[in-house]
Amino acid sequence: MKLGFFNDWTLGVVKNDTHIVDVSETLEGVHAHGPQELIKLVISHFEQVREPFRKLAEVSEGVPLSGVRIRPPIPRPDQIFCMAVNYLEFGQRPMPEIDAFQKSSDCVIGDGDVIRLDPDCHASIFHHEAELAVVMGADAKNVSQDEALDKVFGYTGFIDVSARGFEPGGRTSFFQVKSWPTFGPMGPFIVTKDEISDPHDVSLHITNNGEDRQAFSTDDMAHKIPECIEFISRIAHLRAGDVISTGTNHQGLGALQDGDRLEFAVGGVGTLRVSVEDPAKREWRRGVDEEMAARMRQAGGSSQGMGPRS
């Protein structure tokens, strides 16, 4: 089942990948203070609402997706964890050490929204990073790999926008590089885990102004999802609605700049479309950033001058 918000934060079920059905009537009596609280309640009690959602979607025509505004499926996650350097770059680098960082929930935007490259962010380049994100479905603390997927609700798409190339010698952090508002486009929908037979065999493809950029499968993931959940849950207490973005294959990264239009197709989930605005009108070389791609193929490749890698 695919779930998402549309128009004025109405919760819907996607039907035949062409329409969305308002399921509000099945949630009468559910009191939620805003869409974030609502989706957390739905995720936490999904077994109670799954059948009513399914039955309503069967009998209702819904409205065409082409005629609605799609909103981010998790509007303001309590926690967003991102895996750092978690791909083997098409098998071209040795296994990296497992690591992760947190990203501000203010980053989240949805389909049709705008990535804003803040002029106060003095990076020398901005990159898109196409990622598959895990949406947690239950509390998870000190979870083993064997039980990790039992704690998952579903999957969505995530673009980890990154600012790089700060002043040489300047100290940068993941927070400075990753957590500017709008730096986390998400969606377009959540697909429940039963719809994805193998989350390590999902195709991810991003284009910029129609030009191919990143195109890879999650089968190149270094540390698989159960290990990621185990690693994070040893440190943090994960809860329903929290998000773990699983990292990116850096081959195909390219610059973002004013006027760009990204399309991010996530196998089984849908296509997320966002645009880019830069009030400062900064410009970079178009196409794939081959220098970054080459650096990431190297074992322990240096990110000097580029800010933290992820």
Protein backbone atom coordinates (compact mmCIF):
# COMPACT_ATOMS: atom_id res chain seq x y z
CA MET A 1 0.00 0.00 0.00
CA LYS A 2 1.19 3.51 -0.84
CA LEU A 3 0.31 6.30 1.57
CA GLY A 4 0.78 10.02 1.34
CA PHE A 5 -0.56 13.46 2.04
CA PHE A 6 -2.07 15.67 -0.65
CA ASN A 7 -3.53 19.16 -1.03
CA ASP A 8 -4.35 20.56 2.45
CA TRP A 9 -2.59 17.67 4.24
CA THR A 10 -5.29 15.11 3.47
CA LEU A 11 -4.12 11.54 4.02
CA GLY A 12 -4.64 9.27 1.05
CA VAL A 13 -3.96 5.83 -0.42
CA VAL A 14 -2.53 5.69 -3.93
CA LYS A 15 -4.62 3.64 -6.37
CA ASN A 16 -3.17 2.15 -9.57
CA ASP A 17 -0.36 4.73 -9.45
CA THR A 18 -2.71 7.23 -11.09
CA HIS A 19 -5.21 8.28 -8.40
CA ILE A 20 -5.24 8.97 -4.68
CA VAL A 21 -8.14 8.13 -2.36
CA ASP A 22 -8.96 10.30 0.66
CA VAL A 23 -9.12 7.96 3.67
CA SER A 24 -10.17 10.57 6.21
CA GLU A 25 -13.58 9.01 6.78
CA THR A 26 -11.96 5.84 8.14
CA LEU A 27 -10.15 7.94 10.76
CA GLU A 28 -13.18 9.61 12.32
CA GLY A 29 -12.62 9.84 16.04
CA VAL A 30 -8.84 9.96 15.66
CA HIS A 31 -7.63 13.21 17.16
CA ALA A 32 -4.27 14.39 15.88
CA HIS A 33 -2.65 17.80 16.18
CA GLY A 34 -1.43 18.15 12.62
CA PRO A 35 -0.27 15.81 9.85
CA GLN A 36 2.92 14.66 11.57
CA GLU A 37 1.03 13.37 14.59
CA LEU A 38 -1.56 11.79 12.30
CA ILE A 39 0.94 9.81 10.23
CA LYS A 40 2.70 8.63 13.40
CA LEU A 41 -0.63 7.35 14.75
CA VAL A 42 -1.43 5.62 11.47
CA ILE A 43 2.00 3.96 11.36
CA SER A 44 1.79 2.87 15.00
CA HIS A 45 -1.72 1.38 14.56
CA PHE A 46 -1.50 0.34 10.94
CA GLU A 47 -2.87 -3.16 11.44
CA GLN A 48 -6.11 -1.55 12.68
CA VAL A 49 -6.49 0.77 9.69
CA ARG A 50 -5.03 -1.33 6.88
CA GLU A 51 -8.26 -3.14 6.01
CA PRO A 52 -10.51 -0.04 6.19
CA PHE A 53 -8.01 1.78 3.96
CA ARG A 54 -7.95 -1.11 1.48
CA LYS A 55 -11.73 -1.42 1.30
CA LEU A 56 -12.24 2.29 0.79
CA ALA A 57 -9.61 2.37 -1.95
CA GLU A 58 -11.39 -0.52 -3.71
CA VAL A 59 -14.75 1.24 -3.92
CA SER A 60 -13.61 4.84 -4.33
CA GLU A 61 -12.38 6.25 -7.62
CA GLY A 62 -10.25 8.86 -5.90
CA VAL A 63 -8.84 11.88 -7.66
CA PRO A 64 -6.08 11.95 -10.31
CA LEU A 65 -2.60 12.45 -8.92
CA SER A 66 -1.98 14.88 -11.77
CA GLY A 67 -4.54 17.26 -10.29
CA VAL A 68 -3.36 17.42 -6.68
CA ARG A 69 -0.41 18.77 -4.73
CA ILE A 70 1.60 15.96 -3.14
CA ARG A 71 3.03 16.74 0.29
CA PRO A 72 5.96 15.08 2.08
CA PRO A 73 4.76 11.76 3.53
CA ILE A 74 6.53 12.35 6.89
CA PRO A 75 6.15 16.13 7.24
CA ARG A 76 8.46 16.67 10.20
CA PRO A 77 10.16 13.49 11.41
CA ASP A 78 11.19 13.43 15.04
CA GLN A 79 14.52 11.98 13.94
CA ILE A 80 16.29 11.71 10.59
CA PHE A 81 19.43 9.56 10.52
CA CYS A 82 21.57 9.37 7.39
CA MET A 83 24.15 6.70 6.68
CA ALA A 84 27.55 8.10 5.71
CA VAL A 85 29.66 6.61 2.89
CA ASN A 86 27.47 3.51 2.66
CA TYR A 87 27.94 2.39 -0.95
CA LEU A 88 30.65 0.39 -2.68
CA GLU A 89 30.60 2.69 -5.74
CA PHE A 90 29.69 -0.19 -8.08
CA GLY A 91 32.13 -2.45 -6.23
CA GLN A 92 35.05 -0.11 -6.81
CA ARG A 93 35.99 0.59 -3.19
CA PRO A 94 36.59 -1.65 -0.15
CA MET A 95 34.03 -1.91 2.63
CA PRO A 96 33.79 1.42 4.49
CA GLU A 97 33.36 1.66 8.23
CA ILE A 98 29.74 2.06 9.31
CA ASP A 99 28.82 5.61 10.34
CA ALA A 100 25.79 7.89 10.44
CA PHE A 101 24.77 11.46 11.19
CA GLN A 102 21.55 13.33 11.98
CA LYS A 103 19.83 15.82 9.72
CA SER A 104 17.39 18.53 10.82
CA SER A 105 13.69 17.85 10.25
CA ASP A 106 13.46 21.42 8.89
CA CYS A 107 15.12 20.00 5.78
CA VAL A 108 12.01 18.11 4.66
CA ILE A 109 10.10 19.25 1.60
CA GLY A 110 7.89 17.32 -0.80
CA ASP A 111 7.00 16.81 -4.44
CA GLY A 112 6.78 20.07 -6.37
CA ASP A 113 8.61 22.02 -3.69
CA VAL A 114 11.81 24.07 -4.02
CA ILE A 115 15.35 23.42 -2.75
CA ARG A 116 16.67 26.82 -1.69
CA LEU A 117 20.42 27.34 -1.78
CA ASP A 118 20.76 29.93 0.96
CA PRO A 119 23.18 32.75 0.05
CA ASP A 120 24.46 32.59 3.65
CA CYS A 121 25.65 29.04 2.96
CA HIS A 122 29.12 29.78 1.63
CA ALA A 123 29.73 26.49 -0.13
CA SER A 124 31.56 26.29 -3.42
CA ILE A 125 29.22 23.61 -4.76
CA PHE A 126 25.94 21.87 -3.89
CA HIS A 127 25.19 18.21 -4.72
CA HIS A 128 22.10 16.01 -4.90
CA GLU A 129 22.37 12.55 -3.26
CA ALA A 130 19.69 10.03 -4.26
CA GLU A 131 18.80 7.68 -1.40
CA LEU A 132 16.30 5.05 -0.29
CA ALA A 133 14.89 5.92 3.13
CA VAL A 134 13.52 3.54 5.74
CA VAL A 135 10.44 4.60 7.72
CA MET A 136 10.38 2.99 11.15
CA GLY A 137 7.15 1.36 12.30
CA ALA A 138 7.79 0.60 15.97
CA ASP A 139 10.08 1.36 18.89
CA ALA A 140 13.56 0.00 18.36
CA LYS A 141 16.36 0.12 20.93
CA ASN A 142 19.31 -2.28 20.90
CA VAL A 143 17.71 -4.19 18.03
CA SER A 144 19.57 -7.13 16.51
CA GLN A 145 19.94 -7.52 12.76
CA ASP A 146 17.69 -10.58 12.86
CA GLU A 147 14.75 -8.57 14.20
CA ALA A 148 15.52 -5.22 12.57
CA LEU A 149 13.24 -5.51 9.54
CA ASP A 150 10.33 -6.39 11.84
CA LYS A 151 10.58 -2.81 13.12
CA VAL A 152 10.27 -1.28 9.63
CA PHE A 153 7.00 0.21 8.37
CA GLY A 154 7.98 1.04 4.82
CA TYR A 155 10.20 2.94 2.42
CA THR A 156 10.30 6.30 0.66
CA GLY A 157 12.65 8.39 -1.45
CA PHE A 158 15.04 10.95 0.00
CA ILE A 159 17.41 13.45 -1.63
CA ASP A 160 20.21 14.34 0.77
CA VAL A 161 21.20 17.80 -0.49
CA SER A 162 24.79 18.59 0.47
CA ALA A 163 26.78 21.83 0.55
CA ARG A 164 30.49 21.28 -0.10
CA GLY A 165 33.73 23.11 -0.67
CA PHE A 166 33.80 25.48 2.27
CA GLU A 167 36.83 27.66 2.90
CA PRO A 168 40.08 25.67 2.67
CA GLY A 169 41.24 24.91 6.17
CA GLY A 170 37.90 25.88 7.62
CA ARG A 171 36.24 23.46 10.03
CA THR A 172 33.04 21.98 8.64
CA SER A 173 30.59 19.50 10.13
CA PHE A 174 27.78 17.33 8.85
CA PHE A 175 25.37 19.84 10.42
CA GLN A 176 26.85 22.72 8.40
CA VAL A 177 26.91 20.66 5.22
CA LYS A 178 23.55 18.90 5.46
CA SER A 179 20.97 20.66 7.65
CA TRP A 180 19.94 23.83 5.83
CA PRO A 181 16.17 24.20 5.38
CA THR A 182 14.83 22.42 2.24
CA PHE A 183 17.91 20.14 2.05
CA GLY A 184 15.82 16.96 2.43
CA PRO A 185 13.23 16.40 -0.34
CA MET A 186 11.20 13.30 0.61
CA GLY A 187 8.58 11.15 -1.10
CA PRO A 188 6.52 11.15 -3.07
CA PHE A 189 4.86 8.44 -0.93
CA ILE A 190 5.57 5.79 1.68
CA VAL A 191 5.23 2.26 0.36
CA THR A 192 4.63 -0.36 3.05
CA LYS A 193 7.37 -2.96 3.40
CA ASP A 194 5.21 -5.83 2.11
CA GLU A 195 5.20 -4.12 -1.31
CA ILE A 196 9.02 -4.19 -1.57
CA SER A 197 10.16 -7.80 -1.89
CA ASP A 198 13.83 -6.88 -1.36
CA PRO A 199 14.86 -3.38 -0.20
CA HIS A 200 18.37 -4.23 -1.36
CA ASP A 201 17.17 -4.51 -4.95
CA VAL A 202 15.53 -1.12 -5.54
CA SER A 203 16.46 1.07 -8.50
CA LEU A 204 17.25 4.75 -7.89
CA HIS A 205 17.55 7.18 -10.81
CA ILE A 206 17.89 10.94 -10.67
CA THR A 207 17.95 13.38 -13.57
CA ASN A 208 18.66 17.10 -13.62
CA ASN A 209 16.95 19.09 -16.37
CA GLY A 210 16.43 15.78 -18.17
CA GLU A 211 20.13 14.86 -18.00
CA ASP A 212 21.00 11.51 -16.43
CA ARG A 213 22.87 11.80 -13.16
CA GLN A 214 22.81 9.05 -10.53
CA ALA A 215 21.47 5.66 -11.59
CA PHE A 216 22.12 2.66 -9.35
CA SER A 217 20.55 -0.12 -7.32
CA THR A 218 20.48 -0.52 -3.56
CA ASP A 219 22.23 -3.87 -4.08
CA ASP A 220 25.47 -1.81 -4.00
CA MET A 221 24.76 -0.81 -0.37
CA ALA A 222 27.74 -1.62 1.84
CA HIS A 223 26.04 -1.96 5.23
CA LYS A 224 22.57 -3.40 4.65
CA ILE A 225 19.44 -2.06 6.30
CA PRO A 226 19.36 -4.54 9.23
CA GLU A 227 22.93 -3.60 10.14
CA CYS A 228 22.11 0.12 9.84
CA ILE A 229 19.15 -0.26 12.22
CA GLU A 230 21.23 -2.31 14.65
CA PHE A 231 24.01 0.29 14.59
CA ILE A 232 21.74 3.31 15.11
CA SER A 233 19.51 1.64 17.71
CA ARG A 234 22.53 0.86 19.89
CA ILE A 235 22.91 4.62 20.35
CA ALA A 236 19.46 6.13 19.73
CA HIS A 237 15.92 5.08 20.59
CA LEU A 238 14.07 4.77 17.27
CA ARG A 239 10.31 5.23 17.19
CA ALA A 240 7.45 5.00 14.69
CA GLY A 241 7.83 7.63 11.98
CA ASP A 242 11.58 8.09 12.40
CA VAL A 243 13.55 8.00 9.16
CA ILE A 244 16.84 6.32 8.26
CA SER A 245 18.21 7.34 4.87
CA THR A 246 20.55 4.63 3.67
CA GLY A 247 23.24 6.57 1.81
CA THR A 248 24.13 7.10 -1.83
CA ASN A 249 26.34 5.86 -4.63
CA HIS A 250 28.40 8.95 -5.49
CA GLN A 251 28.95 7.98 -9.11
CA GLY A 252 26.81 10.42 -11.09
CA LEU A 253 26.70 13.27 -8.57
CA GLY A 254 26.46 16.71 -10.10
CA ALA A 255 26.06 20.34 -9.11
CA LEU A 256 22.75 21.95 -8.20
CA GLN A 257 22.09 25.53 -9.24
CA ASP A 258 19.36 28.06 -9.79
CA GLY A 259 16.61 26.93 -12.15
CA ASP A 260 17.44 23.21 -12.03
CA ARG A 261 14.62 20.66 -12.07
CA LEU A 262 15.27 17.27 -10.50
CA GLU A 263 13.29 14.08 -11.09
CA PHE A 264 14.04 11.21 -8.73
CA ALA A 265 12.51 7.83 -9.62
CA VAL A 266 12.45 5.28 -6.80
CA GLY A 267 11.50 1.74 -7.80
CA GLY A 268 8.19 0.75 -6.22
CA VAL A 269 7.67 4.17 -4.63
CA GLY A 270 7.22 6.73 -7.41
CA THR A 271 8.88 9.84 -8.82
CA LEU A 272 9.76 12.85 -6.71
CA ARG A 273 10.06 16.16 -8.58
CA VAL A 274 11.64 19.29 -7.10
CA SER A 275 13.23 22.47 -8.41
CA VAL A 276 16.18 24.57 -7.25
CA GLU A 277 16.36 28.26 -6.39
CA ASP A 278 19.51 30.21 -5.58
CA PRO A 279 18.97 33.92 -4.91
CA ALA A 280 22.73 34.43 -5.34
CA LYS A 281 22.60 32.89 -8.86
CA ARG A 282 25.84 30.95 -8.35
CA GLU A 283 26.97 28.73 -11.22
CA TRP A 284 29.08 25.60 -11.56
CA ARG A 285 30.17 23.29 -14.33
CA ARG A 286 27.24 21.29 -15.66
CA GLY A 287 27.16 17.51 -15.86
CA VAL A 288 28.60 14.83 -13.59
CA ASP A 289 31.22 15.80 -11.04
CA GLU A 290 33.87 13.31 -12.16
CA GLU A 291 36.43 14.50 -9.60
CA MET A 292 34.08 13.71 -6.73
CA ALA A 293 33.20 10.36 -8.30
CA ALA A 294 36.87 9.40 -8.63
CA ARG A 295 37.67 10.45 -5.08
CA MET A 296 34.85 8.31 -3.68
CA ARG A 297 36.07 5.25 -5.59
CA GLN A 298 39.29 5.35 -3.61
CA ALA A 299 39.58 3.54 -0.30
CA GLY A 300 39.44 6.21 2.37
CA GLY A 301 39.31 8.78 -0.40
CA SER A 302 40.05 12.30 0.85
CA SER A 303 37.23 14.80 1.00
CA GLN A 304 39.62 17.72 1.62
CA GLY A 305 38.01 20.90 0.42
CA MET A 306 34.66 19.18 -0.06
CA GLY A 307 33.31 19.03 3.50
CA PRO A 308 32.18 15.77 5.08
CA ARG A 309 31.49 12.86 2.77
CA SER A 310 28.21 10.98 2.72
